[in-house]
Amino acid sequence: MVCVAVNGKPVLGVIHKPFSEYTAWAMVDGGSNVRARTSYNQRTPSIVVSRSHSGMVKQVALQTFGNQTTIIPAGGAGYKVLALLDVPDKSQEKADLYIHVTYIKKWDICAGNAILKALGGHMTTLNGEEISYTGSDGIEGGLLASIRMNHQALMLPHGHLSLENAIAPNDMTGPNSLPLDILCQTETGIF
């Protein structure tokens, strides 16, 4: 993974999967070779989580979204961000949210954060605070990553998730999906 942050904000991200030879990249206001999926299940989302902390997230997810929520344990922050996107790699699992509940190093999440931002998505602490890529090398507050959902509505003041009002105002396709309304420019090139 590679990330460029300017003034603490991620602006360019590259995630490469060496075994499948797939590379995703995106630049804020500069294009991408990846895009968001056309719909996401926000009522009972599938949630990709760290393999080593899946039990902790499962408790919060079940309380918030109900027992039909699927938890997908996975390794690698880049892999987990790609699970939120429309990637051609058939081995890539699909998820609606990415939640991490413990300390995580910023270098593990910067590239994914840049890609999500470039596509109109969000990655924040569980309290909804933007992650700054200056100062310390990690974040204590866990993280929530989403795209095509009302990210702020998923937050409560004390770092708990909430489904209340999480449906984006442009949802015209039914209760479980959101339309893709941001067109992503696709370019080819070498960085």
N, C-alpha and C. Protein backbone atom coordinates (compact mmCIF):
# COMPACT_ATOMS: atom_id res chain seq x y z
N MET A 1 0.85 -1.17 0.00
CA MET A 1 0.00 0.00 0.00
C MET A 1 0.89 1.23 0.00
N VAL A 2 0.38 2.27 -0.66
CA VAL A 2 1.07 3.55 -0.71
C VAL A 2 0.02 4.62 -0.49
N CYS A 3 0.39 5.65 0.29
CA CYS A 3 -0.52 6.76 0.51
C CYS A 3 0.27 8.06 0.50
N VAL A 4 -0.34 9.08 -0.06
CA VAL A 4 0.20 10.43 0.03
C VAL A 4 -0.81 11.24 0.82
N ALA A 5 -0.33 11.88 1.89
CA ALA A 5 -1.17 12.76 2.70
C ALA A 5 -0.58 14.16 2.62
N VAL A 6 -1.45 15.15 2.44
CA VAL A 6 -1.04 16.54 2.38
C VAL A 6 -1.72 17.28 3.53
N ASN A 7 -0.92 17.91 4.37
CA ASN A 7 -1.45 18.60 5.55
C ASN A 7 -2.32 17.67 6.41
N GLY A 8 -1.91 16.41 6.52
CA GLY A 8 -2.61 15.45 7.35
C GLY A 8 -3.82 14.80 6.70
N LYS A 9 -4.14 15.17 5.46
CA LYS A 9 -5.32 14.60 4.77
C LYS A 9 -4.87 13.66 3.66
N PRO A 10 -5.43 12.45 3.62
CA PRO A 10 -5.05 11.50 2.57
C PRO A 10 -5.60 11.94 1.22
N VAL A 11 -4.72 12.00 0.21
CA VAL A 11 -5.16 12.47 -1.11
C VAL A 11 -4.91 11.46 -2.23
N LEU A 12 -4.02 10.51 -2.02
CA LEU A 12 -3.73 9.50 -3.03
C LEU A 12 -3.49 8.18 -2.34
N GLY A 13 -4.17 7.14 -2.80
CA GLY A 13 -4.00 5.82 -2.22
C GLY A 13 -3.84 4.75 -3.28
N VAL A 14 -2.97 3.80 -3.01
CA VAL A 14 -2.75 2.65 -3.89
C VAL A 14 -2.76 1.40 -3.01
N ILE A 15 -3.57 0.43 -3.38
CA ILE A 15 -3.59 -0.87 -2.70
C ILE A 15 -3.33 -1.93 -3.76
N HIS A 16 -2.30 -2.74 -3.54
CA HIS A 16 -1.94 -3.78 -4.49
C HIS A 16 -2.09 -5.15 -3.83
N LYS A 17 -2.74 -6.07 -4.53
CA LYS A 17 -2.86 -7.45 -4.06
C LYS A 17 -1.91 -8.29 -4.90
N PRO A 18 -0.73 -8.62 -4.38
CA PRO A 18 0.30 -9.26 -5.20
C PRO A 18 -0.07 -10.63 -5.75
N PHE A 19 -0.86 -11.40 -5.03
CA PHE A 19 -1.15 -12.75 -5.50
C PHE A 19 -2.18 -12.77 -6.61
N SER A 20 -3.10 -11.82 -6.61
CA SER A 20 -4.07 -11.74 -7.71
C SER A 20 -3.64 -10.70 -8.74
N GLU A 21 -2.55 -9.99 -8.45
CA GLU A 21 -2.01 -8.96 -9.32
C GLU A 21 -3.03 -7.86 -9.61
N TYR A 22 -3.87 -7.55 -8.63
CA TYR A 22 -4.84 -6.47 -8.77
C TYR A 22 -4.34 -5.24 -8.01
N THR A 23 -4.42 -4.10 -8.65
CA THR A 23 -4.05 -2.84 -8.03
C THR A 23 -5.21 -1.86 -8.13
N ALA A 24 -5.60 -1.30 -7.00
CA ALA A 24 -6.62 -0.24 -6.96
C ALA A 24 -5.91 1.05 -6.59
N TRP A 25 -6.29 2.14 -7.26
CA TRP A 25 -5.73 3.44 -6.90
C TRP A 25 -6.80 4.50 -7.08
N ALA A 26 -6.68 5.55 -6.32
CA ALA A 26 -7.58 6.69 -6.45
C ALA A 26 -6.90 7.92 -5.89
N MET A 27 -7.23 9.06 -6.49
CA MET A 27 -6.70 10.33 -6.05
C MET A 27 -7.87 11.30 -5.88
N VAL A 28 -7.92 11.95 -4.73
CA VAL A 28 -8.98 12.93 -4.48
C VAL A 28 -8.91 13.99 -5.57
N ASP A 29 -10.03 14.22 -6.24
CA ASP A 29 -10.14 15.17 -7.35
C ASP A 29 -9.21 14.84 -8.51
N GLY A 30 -8.84 13.55 -8.65
CA GLY A 30 -7.90 13.21 -9.71
C GLY A 30 -8.16 11.90 -10.42
N GLY A 31 -9.27 11.22 -10.14
CA GLY A 31 -9.58 9.99 -10.84
C GLY A 31 -9.26 8.74 -10.04
N SER A 32 -9.59 7.61 -10.64
CA SER A 32 -9.36 6.31 -9.99
C SER A 32 -9.53 5.21 -11.01
N ASN A 33 -9.11 4.02 -10.64
CA ASN A 33 -9.39 2.85 -11.47
C ASN A 33 -10.35 1.90 -10.75
N VAL A 34 -11.00 2.37 -9.71
CA VAL A 34 -11.93 1.57 -8.92
C VAL A 34 -13.14 2.45 -8.63
N ARG A 35 -14.25 1.81 -8.30
CA ARG A 35 -15.46 2.59 -7.99
C ARG A 35 -16.25 1.91 -6.88
N ALA A 36 -17.21 2.64 -6.35
CA ALA A 36 -18.11 2.08 -5.36
C ALA A 36 -19.05 1.10 -6.05
N ARG A 37 -19.59 0.16 -5.28
CA ARG A 37 -20.63 -0.71 -5.82
C ARG A 37 -21.91 0.10 -6.01
N THR A 38 -22.88 -0.46 -6.70
CA THR A 38 -24.12 0.27 -6.96
C THR A 38 -25.07 0.25 -5.78
N SER A 39 -24.92 -0.70 -4.85
CA SER A 39 -25.82 -0.72 -3.70
C SER A 39 -25.13 -1.32 -2.49
N TYR A 40 -25.65 -0.92 -1.32
CA TYR A 40 -25.14 -1.39 -0.03
C TYR A 40 -26.32 -1.66 0.87
N ASN A 41 -26.24 -2.71 1.67
CA ASN A 41 -27.31 -3.06 2.59
C ASN A 41 -27.08 -2.34 3.90
N GLN A 42 -27.91 -1.37 4.19
CA GLN A 42 -27.70 -0.60 5.42
C GLN A 42 -28.60 -1.04 6.55
N ARG A 43 -29.59 -1.87 6.29
CA ARG A 43 -30.46 -2.36 7.37
C ARG A 43 -29.78 -3.49 8.15
N THR A 44 -29.25 -4.46 7.42
CA THR A 44 -28.51 -5.57 8.04
C THR A 44 -27.20 -5.75 7.26
N PRO A 45 -26.26 -4.84 7.47
CA PRO A 45 -25.05 -4.84 6.66
C PRO A 45 -24.13 -6.02 6.96
N SER A 46 -23.36 -6.38 5.96
CA SER A 46 -22.23 -7.27 6.21
C SER A 46 -21.07 -6.36 6.61
N ILE A 47 -20.37 -6.77 7.65
CA ILE A 47 -19.34 -5.91 8.24
C ILE A 47 -18.01 -6.66 8.23
N VAL A 48 -17.01 -6.08 7.58
CA VAL A 48 -15.69 -6.67 7.56
C VAL A 48 -14.92 -6.13 8.76
N VAL A 49 -14.26 -7.04 9.47
CA VAL A 49 -13.58 -6.70 10.72
C VAL A 49 -12.24 -7.42 10.78
N SER A 50 -11.42 -6.99 11.71
CA SER A 50 -10.14 -7.65 11.95
C SER A 50 -10.37 -9.08 12.42
N ARG A 51 -9.61 -10.00 11.86
CA ARG A 51 -9.71 -11.40 12.25
C ARG A 51 -9.52 -11.59 13.76
N SER A 52 -8.63 -10.79 14.34
CA SER A 52 -8.31 -10.97 15.76
C SER A 52 -9.26 -10.26 16.71
N HIS A 53 -10.20 -9.44 16.21
CA HIS A 53 -11.13 -8.72 17.08
C HIS A 53 -12.58 -8.89 16.65
N SER A 54 -12.90 -9.93 15.93
CA SER A 54 -14.26 -10.07 15.38
C SER A 54 -15.32 -10.22 16.45
N GLY A 55 -15.01 -10.86 17.56
CA GLY A 55 -16.00 -11.05 18.63
C GLY A 55 -16.46 -9.75 19.24
N MET A 56 -15.52 -8.81 19.44
CA MET A 56 -15.87 -7.52 20.02
C MET A 56 -16.80 -6.74 19.09
N VAL A 57 -16.53 -6.74 17.81
CA VAL A 57 -17.36 -6.02 16.85
C VAL A 57 -18.71 -6.71 16.70
N LYS A 58 -18.71 -8.03 16.75
CA LYS A 58 -19.96 -8.77 16.58
C LYS A 58 -20.99 -8.36 17.63
N GLN A 59 -20.58 -8.19 18.87
CA GLN A 59 -21.52 -7.79 19.92
C GLN A 59 -22.15 -6.44 19.61
N VAL A 60 -21.33 -5.46 19.23
CA VAL A 60 -21.84 -4.13 18.90
C VAL A 60 -22.74 -4.20 17.67
N ALA A 61 -22.32 -4.94 16.65
CA ALA A 61 -23.08 -5.03 15.42
C ALA A 61 -24.44 -5.68 15.64
N LEU A 62 -24.48 -6.74 16.42
CA LEU A 62 -25.76 -7.41 16.67
C LEU A 62 -26.71 -6.51 17.45
N GLN A 63 -26.19 -5.76 18.42
CA GLN A 63 -27.03 -4.83 19.16
C GLN A 63 -27.54 -3.71 18.27
N THR A 64 -26.72 -3.26 17.34
CA THR A 64 -27.07 -2.13 16.49
C THR A 64 -27.93 -2.53 15.30
N PHE A 65 -27.57 -3.59 14.61
CA PHE A 65 -28.21 -3.94 13.35
C PHE A 65 -29.07 -5.19 13.40
N GLY A 66 -29.04 -5.95 14.49
CA GLY A 66 -29.85 -7.15 14.59
C GLY A 66 -29.07 -8.40 14.23
N ASN A 67 -29.70 -9.56 14.46
CA ASN A 67 -28.99 -10.83 14.32
C ASN A 67 -28.82 -11.31 12.88
N GLN A 68 -29.31 -10.55 11.90
CA GLN A 68 -29.09 -10.95 10.51
C GLN A 68 -27.84 -10.31 9.91
N THR A 69 -27.15 -9.55 10.72
CA THR A 69 -25.90 -8.93 10.27
C THR A 69 -24.83 -10.00 10.11
N THR A 70 -24.08 -9.91 9.04
CA THR A 70 -23.00 -10.85 8.78
C THR A 70 -21.67 -10.21 9.15
N ILE A 71 -20.86 -10.92 9.91
CA ILE A 71 -19.52 -10.47 10.27
C ILE A 71 -18.52 -11.24 9.42
N ILE A 72 -17.64 -10.52 8.73
CA ILE A 72 -16.62 -11.13 7.87
C ILE A 72 -15.25 -10.86 8.48
N PRO A 73 -14.66 -11.83 9.17
CA PRO A 73 -13.30 -11.64 9.70
C PRO A 73 -12.29 -11.68 8.54
N ALA A 74 -11.37 -10.73 8.52
CA ALA A 74 -10.39 -10.68 7.44
C ALA A 74 -9.10 -10.04 7.94
N GLY A 75 -8.03 -10.31 7.25
CA GLY A 75 -6.75 -9.70 7.56
C GLY A 75 -6.43 -8.59 6.59
N GLY A 76 -5.70 -7.59 7.05
CA GLY A 76 -5.23 -6.52 6.18
C GLY A 76 -6.22 -5.39 6.02
N ALA A 77 -5.82 -4.19 6.41
CA ALA A 77 -6.69 -3.02 6.29
C ALA A 77 -7.01 -2.70 4.84
N GLY A 78 -6.05 -2.89 3.95
CA GLY A 78 -6.30 -2.65 2.53
C GLY A 78 -7.35 -3.60 1.98
N TYR A 79 -7.25 -4.87 2.34
CA TYR A 79 -8.23 -5.87 1.91
C TYR A 79 -9.62 -5.48 2.38
N LYS A 80 -9.71 -5.00 3.62
CA LYS A 80 -11.01 -4.66 4.19
C LYS A 80 -11.63 -3.46 3.48
N VAL A 81 -10.83 -2.48 3.11
CA VAL A 81 -11.36 -1.34 2.34
C VAL A 81 -11.82 -1.81 0.96
N LEU A 82 -11.04 -2.66 0.31
CA LEU A 82 -11.44 -3.16 -1.01
C LEU A 82 -12.75 -3.94 -0.94
N ALA A 83 -13.05 -4.53 0.22
CA ALA A 83 -14.32 -5.25 0.38
C ALA A 83 -15.52 -4.32 0.24
N LEU A 84 -15.33 -3.03 0.42
CA LEU A 84 -16.41 -2.06 0.30
C LEU A 84 -16.63 -1.61 -1.14
N LEU A 85 -15.74 -1.98 -2.04
CA LEU A 85 -15.73 -1.42 -3.39
C LEU A 85 -16.06 -2.46 -4.46
N ASP A 86 -16.24 -1.98 -5.67
CA ASP A 86 -16.52 -2.84 -6.82
C ASP A 86 -15.19 -3.16 -7.49
N VAL A 87 -14.58 -4.26 -7.08
CA VAL A 87 -13.29 -4.64 -7.65
C VAL A 87 -13.47 -5.91 -8.49
N PRO A 88 -12.69 -6.04 -9.57
CA PRO A 88 -12.85 -7.20 -10.45
C PRO A 88 -12.26 -8.49 -9.91
N ASP A 89 -11.51 -8.43 -8.83
CA ASP A 89 -10.88 -9.61 -8.25
C ASP A 89 -11.97 -10.51 -7.65
N LYS A 90 -12.19 -11.67 -8.24
CA LYS A 90 -13.27 -12.56 -7.81
C LYS A 90 -13.04 -13.14 -6.41
N SER A 91 -11.80 -13.15 -5.93
CA SER A 91 -11.53 -13.68 -4.60
C SER A 91 -11.81 -12.65 -3.50
N GLN A 92 -12.11 -11.42 -3.87
CA GLN A 92 -12.35 -10.36 -2.90
C GLN A 92 -13.75 -10.50 -2.30
N GLU A 93 -13.81 -10.59 -0.97
CA GLU A 93 -15.11 -10.63 -0.30
C GLU A 93 -15.76 -9.26 -0.37
N LYS A 94 -17.09 -9.22 -0.20
CA LYS A 94 -17.85 -7.97 -0.25
C LYS A 94 -18.43 -7.67 1.12
N ALA A 95 -18.36 -6.40 1.52
CA ALA A 95 -18.94 -5.96 2.79
C ALA A 95 -19.57 -4.59 2.59
N ASP A 96 -20.42 -4.22 3.53
CA ASP A 96 -21.09 -2.92 3.49
C ASP A 96 -20.42 -1.89 4.39
N LEU A 97 -19.79 -2.35 5.47
CA LEU A 97 -19.08 -1.49 6.42
C LEU A 97 -17.77 -2.15 6.82
N TYR A 98 -16.81 -1.33 7.21
CA TYR A 98 -15.56 -1.81 7.79
C TYR A 98 -15.46 -1.17 9.16
N ILE A 99 -15.38 -2.01 10.19
CA ILE A 99 -15.29 -1.52 11.56
C ILE A 99 -14.06 -2.13 12.23
N HIS A 100 -13.30 -1.28 12.92
CA HIS A 100 -12.15 -1.72 13.71
C HIS A 100 -12.31 -1.10 15.08
N VAL A 101 -12.13 -1.86 16.14
CA VAL A 101 -12.46 -1.35 17.48
C VAL A 101 -11.25 -1.11 18.39
N THR A 102 -10.06 -1.42 17.94
CA THR A 102 -8.88 -1.24 18.79
C THR A 102 -7.88 -0.32 18.10
N TYR A 103 -6.75 -0.13 18.74
CA TYR A 103 -5.66 0.69 18.21
C TYR A 103 -5.25 0.18 16.83
N ILE A 104 -4.98 1.11 15.91
CA ILE A 104 -4.52 0.73 14.58
C ILE A 104 -3.52 1.78 14.10
N LYS A 105 -2.50 1.32 13.41
CA LYS A 105 -1.46 2.22 12.88
C LYS A 105 -2.00 2.98 11.67
N LYS A 106 -1.66 4.24 11.60
CA LYS A 106 -2.14 5.09 10.51
C LYS A 106 -1.62 4.64 9.15
N TRP A 107 -0.39 4.10 9.11
CA TRP A 107 0.14 3.66 7.82
C TRP A 107 -0.64 2.47 7.27
N ASP A 108 -1.36 1.76 8.11
CA ASP A 108 -2.18 0.65 7.64
C ASP A 108 -3.48 1.11 7.00
N ILE A 109 -3.94 2.31 7.31
CA ILE A 109 -5.26 2.74 6.85
C ILE A 109 -5.24 3.94 5.91
N CYS A 110 -4.12 4.61 5.75
CA CYS A 110 -4.06 5.84 4.97
C CYS A 110 -4.45 5.61 3.50
N ALA A 111 -3.91 4.59 2.85
CA ALA A 111 -4.21 4.35 1.44
C ALA A 111 -5.70 4.08 1.23
N GLY A 112 -6.28 3.24 2.09
CA GLY A 112 -7.71 2.96 1.98
C GLY A 112 -8.55 4.19 2.24
N ASN A 113 -8.13 5.01 3.19
CA ASN A 113 -8.86 6.24 3.48
C ASN A 113 -8.84 7.17 2.27
N ALA A 114 -7.68 7.31 1.61
CA ALA A 114 -7.58 8.15 0.42
C ALA A 114 -8.49 7.65 -0.69
N ILE A 115 -8.51 6.34 -0.91
CA ILE A 115 -9.37 5.77 -1.95
C ILE A 115 -10.83 6.03 -1.63
N LEU A 116 -11.24 5.78 -0.39
CA LEU A 116 -12.63 6.03 -0.01
C LEU A 116 -12.99 7.50 -0.20
N LYS A 117 -12.14 8.41 0.24
CA LYS A 117 -12.41 9.85 0.09
C LYS A 117 -12.56 10.22 -1.38
N ALA A 118 -11.69 9.69 -2.23
CA ALA A 118 -11.75 10.00 -3.65
C ALA A 118 -13.07 9.54 -4.27
N LEU A 119 -13.67 8.50 -3.70
CA LEU A 119 -14.92 7.95 -4.23
C LEU A 119 -16.15 8.46 -3.49
N GLY A 120 -15.97 9.39 -2.57
CA GLY A 120 -17.10 9.94 -1.82
C GLY A 120 -17.40 9.20 -0.54
N GLY A 121 -16.54 8.29 -0.13
CA GLY A 121 -16.75 7.53 1.10
C GLY A 121 -16.11 8.21 2.30
N HIS A 122 -16.14 7.51 3.43
CA HIS A 122 -15.65 8.08 4.68
C HIS A 122 -14.90 7.03 5.49
N MET A 123 -13.88 7.49 6.20
CA MET A 123 -13.21 6.69 7.22
C MET A 123 -12.95 7.64 8.38
N THR A 124 -13.55 7.33 9.53
CA THR A 124 -13.40 8.18 10.72
C THR A 124 -13.15 7.29 11.93
N THR A 125 -12.88 7.93 13.07
CA THR A 125 -12.88 7.18 14.31
C THR A 125 -14.32 6.76 14.59
N LEU A 126 -14.52 5.90 15.56
CA LEU A 126 -15.88 5.49 15.92
C LEU A 126 -16.69 6.65 16.48
N ASN A 127 -16.01 7.72 16.90
CA ASN A 127 -16.70 8.92 17.36
C ASN A 127 -17.04 9.86 16.21
N GLY A 128 -16.66 9.51 15.00
CA GLY A 128 -16.95 10.35 13.84
C GLY A 128 -15.90 11.40 13.55
N GLU A 129 -14.77 11.35 14.23
CA GLU A 129 -13.71 12.33 14.00
C GLU A 129 -12.87 11.94 12.79
N GLU A 130 -12.52 12.93 11.98
CA GLU A 130 -11.63 12.69 10.85
C GLU A 130 -10.27 12.23 11.38
N ILE A 131 -9.60 11.39 10.63
CA ILE A 131 -8.28 10.88 11.02
C ILE A 131 -7.22 11.77 10.37
N SER A 132 -6.35 12.33 11.19
CA SER A 132 -5.26 13.17 10.70
C SER A 132 -3.99 12.34 10.61
N TYR A 133 -3.32 12.43 9.48
CA TYR A 133 -2.10 11.66 9.27
C TYR A 133 -0.87 12.49 9.61
N THR A 134 -0.94 13.16 10.75
CA THR A 134 0.19 13.87 11.34
C THR A 134 0.27 13.44 12.79
N GLY A 135 1.33 13.84 13.47
CA GLY A 135 1.44 13.53 14.90
C GLY A 135 1.71 12.07 15.16
N SER A 136 0.90 11.47 16.02
CA SER A 136 1.12 10.08 16.44
C SER A 136 1.01 9.12 15.26
N ASP A 137 1.56 7.91 15.46
CA ASP A 137 1.54 6.94 14.36
C ASP A 137 0.33 6.01 14.38
N GLY A 138 -0.60 6.21 15.30
CA GLY A 138 -1.79 5.36 15.35
C GLY A 138 -2.99 6.11 15.90
N ILE A 139 -4.13 5.42 15.88
CA ILE A 139 -5.34 5.98 16.48
C ILE A 139 -5.90 5.00 17.49
N GLU A 140 -6.37 5.52 18.59
CA GLU A 140 -6.93 4.72 19.68
C GLU A 140 -8.42 4.47 19.51
N GLY A 141 -9.12 5.36 18.81
CA GLY A 141 -10.57 5.37 18.82
C GLY A 141 -11.26 4.41 17.88
N GLY A 142 -10.56 3.40 17.37
CA GLY A 142 -11.19 2.50 16.42
C GLY A 142 -11.56 3.26 15.16
N LEU A 143 -12.20 2.58 14.20
CA LEU A 143 -12.59 3.28 12.98
C LEU A 143 -13.84 2.67 12.39
N LEU A 144 -14.51 3.50 11.61
CA LEU A 144 -15.66 3.10 10.81
C LEU A 144 -15.41 3.60 9.41
N ALA A 145 -15.52 2.71 8.42
CA ALA A 145 -15.38 3.09 7.02
C ALA A 145 -16.66 2.71 6.30
N SER A 146 -17.15 3.65 5.49
CA SER A 146 -18.38 3.41 4.74
C SER A 146 -18.34 4.18 3.43
N ILE A 147 -19.21 3.77 2.54
CA ILE A 147 -19.39 4.48 1.28
C ILE A 147 -20.85 4.29 0.87
N ARG A 148 -21.45 5.30 0.34
CA ARG A 148 -22.86 5.31 -0.10
C ARG A 148 -23.83 5.17 1.06
N MET A 149 -23.42 5.46 2.27
CA MET A 149 -24.30 5.48 3.44
C MET A 149 -24.16 6.83 4.13
N ASN A 150 -25.13 7.18 4.95
CA ASN A 150 -25.03 8.40 5.74
C ASN A 150 -24.12 8.09 6.92
N HIS A 151 -22.85 8.33 6.74
CA HIS A 151 -21.81 7.95 7.70
C HIS A 151 -22.05 8.59 9.07
N GLN A 152 -22.34 9.87 9.10
CA GLN A 152 -22.53 10.56 10.37
C GLN A 152 -23.72 10.00 11.15
N ALA A 153 -24.75 9.55 10.46
CA ALA A 153 -25.92 9.01 11.14
C ALA A 153 -25.62 7.67 11.81
N LEU A 154 -24.51 7.04 11.44
CA LEU A 154 -24.12 5.78 12.07
C LEU A 154 -23.47 6.01 13.43
N MET A 155 -23.18 7.26 13.76
CA MET A 155 -22.45 7.61 14.98
C MET A 155 -23.37 8.03 16.11
N LEU A 156 -22.95 7.72 17.31
CA LEU A 156 -23.53 8.27 18.53
C LEU A 156 -22.40 8.96 19.29
N PRO A 157 -22.70 9.86 20.20
CA PRO A 157 -21.66 10.64 20.87
C PRO A 157 -20.59 9.84 21.59
N HIS A 158 -20.88 8.65 22.07
CA HIS A 158 -19.90 7.92 22.87
C HIS A 158 -19.24 6.78 22.11
N GLY A 159 -19.17 6.90 20.79
CA GLY A 159 -18.43 5.92 20.01
C GLY A 159 -19.18 4.64 19.75
N HIS A 160 -20.50 4.69 19.80
CA HIS A 160 -21.30 3.52 19.48
C HIS A 160 -21.95 3.73 18.13
N LEU A 161 -22.22 2.66 17.44
CA LEU A 161 -22.87 2.77 16.15
C LEU A 161 -24.37 2.91 16.33
N SER A 162 -25.00 3.58 15.39
CA SER A 162 -26.44 3.76 15.41
C SER A 162 -26.97 3.66 14.00
N LEU A 163 -28.05 2.95 13.79
CA LEU A 163 -28.66 2.86 12.48
C LEU A 163 -29.68 3.97 12.26
N GLU A 164 -30.10 4.62 13.32
CA GLU A 164 -31.10 5.68 13.23
C GLU A 164 -30.69 6.71 12.18
N ASN A 165 -31.53 6.95 11.20
CA ASN A 165 -31.30 7.96 10.15
C ASN A 165 -30.09 7.66 9.27
N ALA A 166 -29.66 6.43 9.17
CA ALA A 166 -28.48 6.13 8.36
C ALA A 166 -28.78 6.06 6.88
N ILE A 167 -30.03 6.15 6.50
CA ILE A 167 -30.38 6.10 5.09
C ILE A 167 -30.10 7.46 4.47
N ALA A 168 -29.36 7.46 3.40
CA ALA A 168 -29.03 8.72 2.73
C ALA A 168 -30.28 9.30 2.09
N PRO A 169 -30.37 10.63 1.99
CA PRO A 169 -31.56 11.26 1.46
C PRO A 169 -31.85 10.94 0.01
N ASN A 170 -30.88 10.48 -0.76
CA ASN A 170 -31.13 10.18 -2.17
C ASN A 170 -31.50 8.72 -2.41
N ASP A 171 -31.88 8.00 -1.37
CA ASP A 171 -32.24 6.59 -1.50
C ASP A 171 -33.59 6.47 -2.19
N MET A 172 -33.59 6.10 -3.45
CA MET A 172 -34.82 5.97 -4.22
C MET A 172 -35.06 4.53 -4.66
N THR A 173 -34.23 3.61 -4.20
CA THR A 173 -34.32 2.25 -4.71
C THR A 173 -34.82 1.25 -3.69
N GLY A 174 -35.22 1.69 -2.53
CA GLY A 174 -35.72 0.75 -1.54
C GLY A 174 -34.92 0.82 -0.27
N PRO A 175 -35.36 0.10 0.76
CA PRO A 175 -34.75 0.24 2.07
C PRO A 175 -33.36 -0.35 2.21
N ASN A 176 -32.96 -1.23 1.32
CA ASN A 176 -31.68 -1.91 1.52
C ASN A 176 -30.59 -1.55 0.53
N SER A 177 -30.80 -0.54 -0.29
CA SER A 177 -29.75 -0.20 -1.24
C SER A 177 -29.73 1.29 -1.52
N LEU A 178 -28.57 1.77 -1.89
CA LEU A 178 -28.39 3.17 -2.23
C LEU A 178 -27.88 3.25 -3.65
N PRO A 179 -28.37 4.20 -4.44
CA PRO A 179 -27.88 4.33 -5.81
C PRO A 179 -26.48 4.92 -5.84
N LEU A 180 -25.73 4.55 -6.82
CA LEU A 180 -24.42 5.15 -7.03
C LEU A 180 -24.64 6.45 -7.77
N ASP A 181 -24.37 7.58 -7.13
CA ASP A 181 -24.62 8.85 -7.80
C ASP A 181 -23.35 9.66 -8.04
N ILE A 182 -22.22 9.05 -7.78
CA ILE A 182 -20.97 9.73 -8.09
C ILE A 182 -20.30 8.93 -9.20
N LEU A 183 -20.05 9.58 -10.30
CA LEU A 183 -19.35 8.92 -11.39
C LEU A 183 -17.86 9.03 -11.15
N CYS A 184 -17.17 7.93 -11.32
CA CYS A 184 -15.73 7.91 -11.09
C CYS A 184 -15.03 7.90 -12.44
N GLN A 185 -14.14 8.81 -12.62
CA GLN A 185 -13.36 8.87 -13.83
C GLN A 185 -12.33 7.75 -13.80
N THR A 186 -12.27 6.97 -14.86
CA THR A 186 -11.30 5.89 -14.93
C THR A 186 -10.16 6.31 -15.84
N GLU A 187 -8.96 6.18 -15.35
CA GLU A 187 -7.76 6.50 -16.12
C GLU A 187 -6.79 5.34 -16.01
N THR A 188 -5.91 5.24 -16.96
CA THR A 188 -4.84 4.26 -16.84
C THR A 188 -3.53 5.01 -16.78
N GLY A 189 -2.59 4.43 -16.16
CA GLY A 189 -1.29 5.08 -16.05
C GLY A 189 -0.47 4.45 -14.96
N ILE A 190 0.76 4.85 -14.89
CA ILE A 190 1.68 4.33 -13.89
C ILE A 190 2.08 5.47 -12.99
N PHE A 191 2.05 5.23 -11.69
CA PHE A 191 2.49 6.24 -10.74
C PHE A 191 3.91 5.98 -10.35
